[in-house]
Amino acid sequence: MRKLRRLSANQLIFGGCALWSLLLISCETASRIEVPPGAGTPGATYVGSKECAQCHSERVSEFPGSTHARIAVAEAKVAGTGCEACHGPGSLHVQAGGKAGTIVNPRKSPEACFECHSDKRGEMSLPHSHPVLTGQVSCVDCHDVHKGNAVRGGGAALASRTETCLRCHTAQAGPFTYPHGAIREEGCTACHNPHGSVNDKMLVARDANLCLRCHLADLAPGFNLGGYGAGSTHASAVGSRLSEGTCWSANCHEDVHGSNVNASLRP
């Protein structure tokens, strides 16, 4: 199978700008980030992460290696509030012996994550998204917020990001004799935006435009879509099927995640 390539000028420019933005963000977040005190549990006060370690020693010990370890409550009189920057003041939680409902739980309330990741709230509100806002799925089902970037979909770990998706979407895991190169090379997010999209199945582009983001780069002068000669039977079929909407419709490339019988991902 040919290696997928993205060679258009627009894509190269966009990729360069995205990389530069990522570098700028990395520089900005290298120092500790301070957030204003949140509402949290009514009546609770900050106690510091040392108090959290009394019960959650494993979480507290692995937390320094995570991105979230750079977050602290912006209140000078309160020290060591890394945990409470996300979970809110913990005094009532401590007094209740760790009773549920006495501290902010991101698994129950995505608003704890949206305090910083407001752009994701917007994506979750799009027509097609994981049901986070309805409570059927939580952010921490996919993101391990206490550990370093190398685990479960963190940072640039594309392999682990794909493994995260396949924990639920087992039918797409394979193994396939002929895997789709996009998944092998880039992972699920090459085609899907896991936080939400205006397109069905959370696709990053609609209809045949999704496929042509990669496969259009393989065209040569005088060739039709998919690299087939202009006027050929297949070229005519491609043109007619695209008018119906997608490359994977009408018994064409239906096995988009991989196939065990056909290298062209046909059923």
C-alpha atoms as a PDB file:
ATOM      1  CA  MET A   1       0.000   0.000   0.000  1.00  0.00           C
ATOM      2  CA  ARG A   2       1.299   3.413  -0.896  1.00  0.00           C
ATOM      3  CA  LYS A   3       2.302   5.639   1.975  1.00  0.00           C
ATOM      4  CA  LEU A   4      -0.173   8.470   2.462  1.00  0.00           C
ATOM      5  CA  ARG A   5       1.204  11.937   1.778  1.00  0.00           C
ATOM      6  CA  ARG A   6      -0.046  15.510   2.287  1.00  0.00           C
ATOM      7  CA  LEU A   7       1.808  17.766  -0.067  1.00  0.00           C
ATOM      8  CA  SER A   8      -0.464  20.684  -0.906  1.00  0.00           C
ATOM      9  CA  ALA A   9       0.860  24.164  -0.251  1.00  0.00           C
ATOM     10  CA  ASN A  10      -2.069  25.063   1.975  1.00  0.00           C
ATOM     11  CA  GLN A  11      -1.536  22.001   4.130  1.00  0.00           C
ATOM     12  CA  LEU A  12       2.187  22.669   4.462  1.00  0.00           C
ATOM     13  CA  ILE A  13       1.524  26.274   5.478  1.00  0.00           C
ATOM     14  CA  PHE A  14      -1.185  25.233   7.935  1.00  0.00           C
ATOM     15  CA  GLY A  15       1.067  22.551   9.432  1.00  0.00           C
ATOM     16  CA  GLY A  16       3.920  25.020   9.865  1.00  0.00           C
ATOM     17  CA  CYS A  17       1.663  27.554  11.585  1.00  0.00           C
ATOM     18  CA  ALA A  18       0.224  24.867  13.871  1.00  0.00           C
ATOM     19  CA  LEU A  19       3.718  23.694  14.851  1.00  0.00           C
ATOM     20  CA  TRP A  20       4.829  27.265  15.572  1.00  0.00           C
ATOM     21  CA  SER A  21       1.727  27.840  17.705  1.00  0.00           C
ATOM     22  CA  LEU A  22       2.450  24.636  19.620  1.00  0.00           C
ATOM     23  CA  LEU A  23       5.993  25.789  20.336  1.00  0.00           C
ATOM     24  CA  LEU A  24       4.744  29.141  21.591  1.00  0.00           C
ATOM     25  CA  ILE A  25       2.179  27.469  23.853  1.00  0.00           C
ATOM     26  CA  SER A  26       4.848  25.112  25.218  1.00  0.00           C
ATOM     27  CA  CYS A  27       7.054  28.080  26.115  1.00  0.00           C
ATOM     28  CA  GLU A  28       4.177  29.887  27.789  1.00  0.00           C
ATOM     29  CA  THR A  29       3.194  26.883  29.898  1.00  0.00           C
ATOM     30  CA  ALA A  30       6.736  25.998  30.944  1.00  0.00           C
ATOM     31  CA  SER A  31       6.265  28.076  34.098  1.00  0.00           C
ATOM     32  CA  ARG A  32       3.582  27.484  36.710  1.00  0.00           C
ATOM     33  CA  ILE A  33       0.086  28.525  35.683  1.00  0.00           C
ATOM     34  CA  GLU A  34      -2.153  30.180  38.254  1.00  0.00           C
ATOM     35  CA  VAL A  35      -5.936  30.066  38.097  1.00  0.00           C
ATOM     36  CA  PRO A  36      -8.349  32.116  40.205  1.00  0.00           C
ATOM     37  CA  PRO A  37     -10.055  30.331  43.105  1.00  0.00           C
ATOM     38  CA  GLY A  38     -13.092  28.433  41.872  1.00  0.00           C
ATOM     39  CA  ALA A  39     -16.451  28.033  43.571  1.00  0.00           C
ATOM     40  CA  GLY A  40     -15.945  24.359  44.429  1.00  0.00           C
ATOM     41  CA  THR A  41     -18.000  22.929  47.304  1.00  0.00           C
ATOM     42  CA  PRO A  42     -19.922  25.686  49.121  1.00  0.00           C
ATOM     43  CA  GLY A  43     -18.374  26.479  52.501  1.00  0.00           C
ATOM     44  CA  ALA A  44     -15.130  24.583  51.871  1.00  0.00           C
ATOM     45  CA  THR A  45     -11.659  26.089  52.284  1.00  0.00           C
ATOM     46  CA  TYR A  46      -8.291  25.145  50.844  1.00  0.00           C
ATOM     47  CA  VAL A  47      -6.185  22.639  52.789  1.00  0.00           C
ATOM     48  CA  GLY A  48      -3.257  21.982  50.421  1.00  0.00           C
ATOM     49  CA  SER A  49      -2.108  18.908  48.512  1.00  0.00           C
ATOM     50  CA  LYS A  50      -0.244  17.462  51.517  1.00  0.00           C
ATOM     51  CA  GLU A  51      -3.616  16.824  53.101  1.00  0.00           C
ATOM     52  CA  CYS A  52      -4.784  15.060  49.926  1.00  0.00           C
ATOM     53  CA  ALA A  53      -1.750  12.749  50.091  1.00  0.00           C
ATOM     54  CA  GLN A  54      -3.027  11.269  53.362  1.00  0.00           C
ATOM     55  CA  CYS A  55      -5.500   9.182  51.337  1.00  0.00           C
ATOM     56  CA  HIS A  56      -4.466   9.666  47.712  1.00  0.00           C
ATOM     57  CA  SER A  57      -0.721   9.035  48.049  1.00  0.00           C
ATOM     58  CA  GLU A  58      -0.402   7.266  44.686  1.00  0.00           C
ATOM     59  CA  ARG A  59      -2.084  10.095  42.792  1.00  0.00           C
ATOM     60  CA  VAL A  60      -0.058  12.763  44.574  1.00  0.00           C
ATOM     61  CA  SER A  61       3.241  10.944  43.949  1.00  0.00           C
ATOM     62  CA  GLU A  62       2.673  10.579  40.188  1.00  0.00           C
ATOM     63  CA  PHE A  63       1.158  14.030  39.750  1.00  0.00           C
ATOM     64  CA  PRO A  64       4.435  16.075  39.509  1.00  0.00           C
ATOM     65  CA  GLY A  65       5.150  14.549  36.086  1.00  0.00           C
ATOM     66  CA  SER A  66       1.864  15.732  34.568  1.00  0.00           C
ATOM     67  CA  THR A  67       1.009  18.926  32.717  1.00  0.00           C
ATOM     68  CA  HIS A  68      -1.606  19.755  35.336  1.00  0.00           C
ATOM     69  CA  ALA A  69       1.130  19.932  37.974  1.00  0.00           C
ATOM     70  CA  ARG A  70       1.871  23.428  36.643  1.00  0.00           C
ATOM     71  CA  ILE A  71      -1.539  24.648  37.822  1.00  0.00           C
ATOM     72  CA  ALA A  72      -2.027  26.282  41.218  1.00  0.00           C
ATOM     73  CA  VAL A  73      -4.688  28.422  42.827  1.00  0.00           C
ATOM     74  CA  ALA A  74      -3.810  32.106  42.449  1.00  0.00           C
ATOM     75  CA  GLU A  75      -4.159  32.996  46.111  1.00  0.00           C
ATOM     76  CA  ALA A  76      -0.978  33.981  47.915  1.00  0.00           C
ATOM     77  CA  LYS A  77      -2.075  32.859  51.381  1.00  0.00           C
ATOM     78  CA  VAL A  78      -2.781  29.322  50.129  1.00  0.00           C
ATOM     79  CA  ALA A  79       0.216  27.105  49.398  1.00  0.00           C
ATOM     80  CA  GLY A  80       0.493  23.759  47.610  1.00  0.00           C
ATOM     81  CA  THR A  81      -2.951  23.706  46.020  1.00  0.00           C
ATOM     82  CA  GLY A  82      -2.240  21.679  42.882  1.00  0.00           C
ATOM     83  CA  CYS A  83      -5.024  19.154  43.561  1.00  0.00           C
ATOM     84  CA  GLU A  84      -7.536  21.793  44.609  1.00  0.00           C
ATOM     85  CA  ALA A  85      -6.961  23.861  41.461  1.00  0.00           C
ATOM     86  CA  CYS A  86      -9.195  21.307  39.707  1.00  0.00           C
ATOM     87  CA  HIS A  87     -11.096  19.650  42.558  1.00  0.00           C
ATOM     88  CA  GLY A  88     -11.897  22.824  44.497  1.00  0.00           C
ATOM     89  CA  PRO A  89     -11.344  23.479  48.233  1.00  0.00           C
ATOM     90  CA  GLY A  90     -11.028  20.221  50.150  1.00  0.00           C
ATOM     91  CA  SER A  91     -11.712  21.013  53.811  1.00  0.00           C
ATOM     92  CA  LEU A  92     -15.232  19.550  53.846  1.00  0.00           C
ATOM     93  CA  HIS A  93     -14.005  16.486  51.970  1.00  0.00           C
ATOM     94  CA  VAL A  94     -11.356  15.904  54.635  1.00  0.00           C
ATOM     95  CA  GLN A  95     -13.799  16.443  57.485  1.00  0.00           C
ATOM     96  CA  ALA A  96     -16.242  13.979  55.922  1.00  0.00           C
ATOM     97  CA  GLY A  97     -13.552  11.299  55.634  1.00  0.00           C
ATOM     98  CA  GLY A  98     -13.558  11.384  51.853  1.00  0.00           C
ATOM     99  CA  LYS A  99     -17.321  11.116  51.424  1.00  0.00           C
ATOM    100  CA  ALA A 100     -18.571  11.451  47.852  1.00  0.00           C
ATOM    101  CA  GLY A 101     -20.174  14.753  46.934  1.00  0.00           C
ATOM    102  CA  THR A 102     -17.977  16.804  49.248  1.00  0.00           C
ATOM    103  CA  ILE A 103     -15.487  17.825  46.549  1.00  0.00           C
ATOM    104  CA  VAL A 104     -15.541  18.540  42.801  1.00  0.00           C
ATOM    105  CA  ASN A 105     -15.345  15.322  40.772  1.00  0.00           C
ATOM    106  CA  PRO A 106     -14.399  15.879  37.088  1.00  0.00           C
ATOM    107  CA  ARG A 107     -15.853  12.469  36.284  1.00  0.00           C
ATOM    108  CA  LYS A 108     -19.266  13.783  37.331  1.00  0.00           C
ATOM    109  CA  SER A 109     -18.841  17.401  36.225  1.00  0.00           C
ATOM    110  CA  PRO A 110     -16.989  18.272  33.000  1.00  0.00           C
ATOM    111  CA  GLU A 111     -17.194  21.932  34.029  1.00  0.00           C
ATOM    112  CA  ALA A 112     -14.114  21.285  36.176  1.00  0.00           C
ATOM    113  CA  CYS A 113     -12.195  20.673  32.934  1.00  0.00           C
ATOM    114  CA  PHE A 114     -13.972  23.404  30.982  1.00  0.00           C
ATOM    115  CA  GLU A 115     -12.725  26.027  33.449  1.00  0.00           C
ATOM    116  CA  CYS A 116      -9.455  25.905  31.496  1.00  0.00           C
ATOM    117  CA  HIS A 117     -10.411  24.009  28.332  1.00  0.00           C
ATOM    118  CA  SER A 118     -13.275  26.270  27.274  1.00  0.00           C
ATOM    119  CA  ASP A 119     -12.706  25.527  23.579  1.00  0.00           C
ATOM    120  CA  LYS A 120     -13.583  21.884  24.239  1.00  0.00           C
ATOM    121  CA  ARG A 121     -16.920  22.904  25.739  1.00  0.00           C
ATOM    122  CA  GLY A 122     -17.697  24.518  22.388  1.00  0.00           C
ATOM    123  CA  GLU A 123     -16.684  21.403  20.442  1.00  0.00           C
ATOM    124  CA  MET A 124     -18.739  19.201  22.759  1.00  0.00           C
ATOM    125  CA  SER A 125     -21.775  21.353  21.912  1.00  0.00           C
ATOM    126  CA  LEU A 126     -21.512  20.614  18.178  1.00  0.00           C
ATOM    127  CA  PRO A 127     -24.092  18.282  16.581  1.00  0.00           C
ATOM    128  CA  HIS A 128     -21.861  15.198  16.732  1.00  0.00           C
ATOM    129  CA  SER A 129     -19.724  14.578  19.816  1.00  0.00           C
ATOM    130  CA  HIS A 130     -19.056  12.123  22.609  1.00  0.00           C
ATOM    131  CA  PRO A 131     -21.919  12.453  25.139  1.00  0.00           C
ATOM    132  CA  VAL A 132     -19.851  14.253  27.765  1.00  0.00           C
ATOM    133  CA  LEU A 133     -22.360  17.032  28.389  1.00  0.00           C
ATOM    134  CA  THR A 134     -25.077  14.463  29.159  1.00  0.00           C
ATOM    135  CA  GLY A 135     -22.858  12.582  31.606  1.00  0.00           C
ATOM    136  CA  GLN A 136     -22.603   9.322  29.638  1.00  0.00           C
ATOM    137  CA  VAL A 137     -18.874   9.813  29.045  1.00  0.00           C
ATOM    138  CA  SER A 138     -16.367  11.863  31.022  1.00  0.00           C
ATOM    139  CA  CYS A 139     -13.145  13.597  30.082  1.00  0.00           C
ATOM    140  CA  VAL A 140     -11.163  11.296  32.363  1.00  0.00           C
ATOM    141  CA  ASP A 141     -12.428   8.226  30.502  1.00  0.00           C
ATOM    142  CA  CYS A 142      -9.984   9.228  27.762  1.00  0.00           C
ATOM    143  CA  HIS A 143      -7.482  11.515  29.503  1.00  0.00           C
ATOM    144  CA  ASP A 144      -5.373  10.518  32.478  1.00  0.00           C
ATOM    145  CA  VAL A 145      -5.087  13.936  34.085  1.00  0.00           C
ATOM    146  CA  HIS A 146      -2.773  12.880  36.916  1.00  0.00           C
ATOM    147  CA  LYS A 147       0.048  11.299  34.930  1.00  0.00           C
ATOM    148  CA  GLY A 148       2.637  12.545  32.444  1.00  0.00           C
ATOM    149  CA  ASN A 149       2.070  13.282  28.772  1.00  0.00           C
ATOM    150  CA  ALA A 150       3.315   9.901  27.590  1.00  0.00           C
ATOM    151  CA  VAL A 151       0.218   8.045  28.799  1.00  0.00           C
ATOM    152  CA  ARG A 152      -3.283   7.536  27.426  1.00  0.00           C
ATOM    153  CA  GLY A 153      -3.586  10.114  24.702  1.00  0.00           C
ATOM    154  CA  GLY A 154      -1.404  12.802  26.252  1.00  0.00           C
ATOM    155  CA  GLY A 155       0.851  15.187  24.373  1.00  0.00           C
ATOM    156  CA  ALA A 156       1.965  13.965  20.950  1.00  0.00           C
ATOM    157  CA  ALA A 157       1.707  10.240  21.738  1.00  0.00           C
ATOM    158  CA  LEU A 158      -0.271   9.231  18.642  1.00  0.00           C
ATOM    159  CA  ALA A 159      -0.007   5.494  19.299  1.00  0.00           C
ATOM    160  CA  SER A 160      -1.428   5.745  22.805  1.00  0.00           C
ATOM    161  CA  ARG A 161      -4.084   8.180  21.563  1.00  0.00           C
ATOM    162  CA  THR A 162      -5.289   5.544  19.097  1.00  0.00           C
ATOM    163  CA  GLU A 163      -5.195   2.880  21.801  1.00  0.00           C
ATOM    164  CA  THR A 164      -7.434   5.144  23.876  1.00  0.00           C
ATOM    165  CA  CYS A 165     -10.090   5.147  21.150  1.00  0.00           C
ATOM    166  CA  LEU A 166      -9.867   1.397  20.627  1.00  0.00           C
ATOM    167  CA  ARG A 167     -10.629   0.703  24.289  1.00  0.00           C
ATOM    168  CA  CYS A 168     -14.269   1.462  23.434  1.00  0.00           C
ATOM    169  CA  HIS A 169     -14.325   1.136  19.647  1.00  0.00           C
ATOM    170  CA  THR A 170     -13.123  -2.470  19.616  1.00  0.00           C
ATOM    171  CA  ALA A 171     -14.590  -3.329  16.198  1.00  0.00           C
ATOM    172  CA  GLN A 172     -12.141  -0.912  14.597  1.00  0.00           C
ATOM    173  CA  ALA A 173      -9.094  -2.408  16.344  1.00  0.00           C
ATOM    174  CA  GLY A 174      -8.385  -5.197  13.880  1.00  0.00           C
ATOM    175  CA  PRO A 175      -5.859  -6.646  13.289  1.00  0.00           C
ATOM    176  CA  PHE A 176      -6.481  -6.312   9.579  1.00  0.00           C
ATOM    177  CA  THR A 177      -4.594  -7.894   6.694  1.00  0.00           C
ATOM    178  CA  TYR A 178      -4.970  -4.560   4.896  1.00  0.00           C
ATOM    179  CA  PRO A 179      -5.177  -1.764   7.490  1.00  0.00           C
ATOM    180  CA  HIS A 180      -6.112   1.745   6.419  1.00  0.00           C
ATOM    181  CA  GLY A 181      -2.854   3.658   6.128  1.00  0.00           C
ATOM    182  CA  ALA A 182      -4.300   6.757   7.806  1.00  0.00           C
ATOM    183  CA  ILE A 183      -4.830   4.848  11.052  1.00  0.00           C
ATOM    184  CA  ARG A 184      -1.439   3.161  10.861  1.00  0.00           C
ATOM    185  CA  GLU A 185       0.415   6.391  10.072  1.00  0.00           C
ATOM    186  CA  GLU A 186      -1.512   9.028  12.043  1.00  0.00           C
ATOM    187  CA  GLY A 187      -4.143   7.386  14.199  1.00  0.00           C
ATOM    188  CA  CYS A 188      -7.890   7.826  14.592  1.00  0.00           C
ATOM    189  CA  THR A 189      -7.652  11.613  14.812  1.00  0.00           C
ATOM    190  CA  ALA A 190      -6.533  11.764  11.177  1.00  0.00           C
ATOM    191  CA  CYS A 191     -10.228  11.411  10.329  1.00  0.00           C
ATOM    192  CA  HIS A 192     -12.127  12.039  13.573  1.00  0.00           C
ATOM    193  CA  ASN A 193     -12.257  14.940  16.022  1.00  0.00           C
ATOM    194  CA  PRO A 194     -12.975  13.129  19.306  1.00  0.00           C
ATOM    195  CA  HIS A 195     -14.297  16.281  21.005  1.00  0.00           C
ATOM    196  CA  GLY A 196     -16.942  17.089  18.419  1.00  0.00           C
ATOM    197  CA  SER A 197     -17.692  18.053  14.841  1.00  0.00           C
ATOM    198  CA  VAL A 198     -20.465  19.363  12.616  1.00  0.00           C
ATOM    199  CA  ASN A 199     -20.004  16.200  10.531  1.00  0.00           C
ATOM    200  CA  ASP A 200     -21.528  12.778  11.134  1.00  0.00           C
ATOM    201  CA  LYS A 201     -19.310  10.335  13.087  1.00  0.00           C
ATOM    202  CA  MET A 202     -17.250  13.314  14.273  1.00  0.00           C
ATOM    203  CA  LEU A 203     -15.351  13.383  10.978  1.00  0.00           C
ATOM    204  CA  VAL A 204     -12.965  16.296  10.440  1.00  0.00           C
ATOM    205  CA  ALA A 205     -14.343  16.845   6.914  1.00  0.00           C
ATOM    206  CA  ARG A 206     -17.501  15.782   5.153  1.00  0.00           C
ATOM    207  CA  ASP A 207     -18.144  13.399   2.276  1.00  0.00           C
ATOM    208  CA  ALA A 208     -15.353  12.716  -0.224  1.00  0.00           C
ATOM    209  CA  ASN A 209     -13.476  15.799   0.930  1.00  0.00           C
ATOM    210  CA  LEU A 210     -12.285  13.765   3.905  1.00  0.00           C
ATOM    211  CA  CYS A 211     -10.604  11.152   1.709  1.00  0.00           C
ATOM    212  CA  LEU A 212      -9.200  13.703  -0.725  1.00  0.00           C
ATOM    213  CA  ARG A 213      -7.293  15.438   2.080  1.00  0.00           C
ATOM    214  CA  CYS A 214      -4.783  12.588   1.671  1.00  0.00           C
ATOM    215  CA  HIS A 215      -5.499  10.871  -1.609  1.00  0.00           C
ATOM    216  CA  LEU A 216      -5.633  13.954  -3.820  1.00  0.00           C
ATOM    217  CA  ALA A 217      -1.872  14.329  -3.290  1.00  0.00           C
ATOM    218  CA  ASP A 218      -1.318  11.116  -5.293  1.00  0.00           C
ATOM    219  CA  LEU A 219      -2.878  12.441  -8.481  1.00  0.00           C
ATOM    220  CA  ALA A 220      -0.808  13.070 -11.583  1.00  0.00           C
ATOM    221  CA  PRO A 221      -1.643  15.277 -14.625  1.00  0.00           C
ATOM    222  CA  GLY A 222      -4.238  13.614 -16.837  1.00  0.00           C
ATOM    223  CA  PHE A 223      -5.513  11.319 -14.092  1.00  0.00           C
ATOM    224  CA  ASN A 224      -8.915  11.312 -12.462  1.00  0.00           C
ATOM    225  CA  LEU A 225      -9.744  10.947  -8.782  1.00  0.00           C
ATOM    226  CA  GLY A 226      -7.876   8.070  -7.175  1.00  0.00           C
ATOM    227  CA  GLY A 227      -5.156   7.987  -9.820  1.00  0.00           C
ATOM    228  CA  TYR A 228      -7.219   6.263 -12.530  1.00  0.00           C
ATOM    229  CA  GLY A 229      -7.004   7.321 -16.152  1.00  0.00           C
ATOM    230  CA  ALA A 230      -9.482   9.896 -17.388  1.00  0.00           C
ATOM    231  CA  GLY A 231     -12.334   8.237 -19.265  1.00  0.00           C
ATOM    232  CA  SER A 232     -11.760   4.795 -17.755  1.00  0.00           C
ATOM    233  CA  THR A 233     -14.640   2.724 -16.395  1.00  0.00           C
ATOM    234  CA  HIS A 234     -13.510   3.225 -12.821  1.00  0.00           C
ATOM    235  CA  ALA A 235     -13.004   6.956 -13.304  1.00  0.00           C
ATOM    236  CA  SER A 236     -16.588   7.281 -14.540  1.00  0.00           C
ATOM    237  CA  ALA A 237     -17.808   5.244 -11.585  1.00  0.00           C
ATOM    238  CA  VAL A 238     -15.877   7.425  -9.175  1.00  0.00           C
ATOM    239  CA  GLY A 239     -17.420  10.569 -10.643  1.00  0.00           C
ATOM    240  CA  SER A 240     -20.949   9.183 -10.376  1.00  0.00           C
ATOM    241  CA  ARG A 241     -20.503   7.850  -6.854  1.00  0.00           C
ATOM    242  CA  LEU A 242     -19.010  11.078  -5.571  1.00  0.00           C
ATOM    243  CA  SER A 243     -22.154  12.845  -6.685  1.00  0.00           C
ATOM    244  CA  GLU A 244     -23.935  10.580  -4.181  1.00  0.00           C
ATOM    245  CA  GLY A 245     -21.694  11.821  -1.386  1.00  0.00           C
ATOM    246  CA  THR A 246     -18.867   9.549  -0.286  1.00  0.00           C
ATOM    247  CA  CYS A 247     -16.011   7.297  -1.362  1.00  0.00           C
ATOM    248  CA  TRP A 248     -17.212   4.575   1.028  1.00  0.00           C
ATOM    249  CA  SER A 249     -20.783   4.318  -0.280  1.00  0.00           C
ATOM    250  CA  ALA A 250     -22.406   1.893  -2.718  1.00  0.00           C
ATOM    251  CA  ASN A 251     -20.027  -1.059  -2.232  1.00  0.00           C
ATOM    252  CA  CYS A 252     -16.855   0.879  -2.959  1.00  0.00           C
ATOM    253  CA  HIS A 253     -14.356   1.499  -0.117  1.00  0.00           C
ATOM    254  CA  GLU A 254     -16.691   0.525   2.701  1.00  0.00           C
ATOM    255  CA  ASP A 255     -14.162  -1.073   5.040  1.00  0.00           C
ATOM    256  CA  VAL A 256     -12.558   2.253   5.869  1.00  0.00           C
ATOM    257  CA  HIS A 257     -10.737   1.059   9.005  1.00  0.00           C
ATOM    258  CA  GLY A 258      -9.240  -2.022   7.387  1.00  0.00           C
ATOM    259  CA  SER A 259      -9.995  -5.154   5.422  1.00  0.00           C
ATOM    260  CA  ASN A 260      -8.953  -8.786   5.520  1.00  0.00           C
ATOM    261  CA  VAL A 261      -9.810  -9.477   1.878  1.00  0.00           C
ATOM    262  CA  ASN A 262      -9.110  -6.407  -0.225  1.00  0.00           C
ATOM    263  CA  ALA A 263      -6.230  -3.902  -0.303  1.00  0.00           C
ATOM    264  CA  SER A 264      -8.613  -1.242  -1.648  1.00  0.00           C
ATOM    265  CA  LEU A 265     -10.712  -1.597   1.499  1.00  0.00           C
ATOM    266  CA  ARG A 266     -13.666  -2.949  -0.411  1.00  0.00           C
ATOM    267  CA  PRO A 267     -16.095  -5.466   1.151  1.00  0.00           C
END
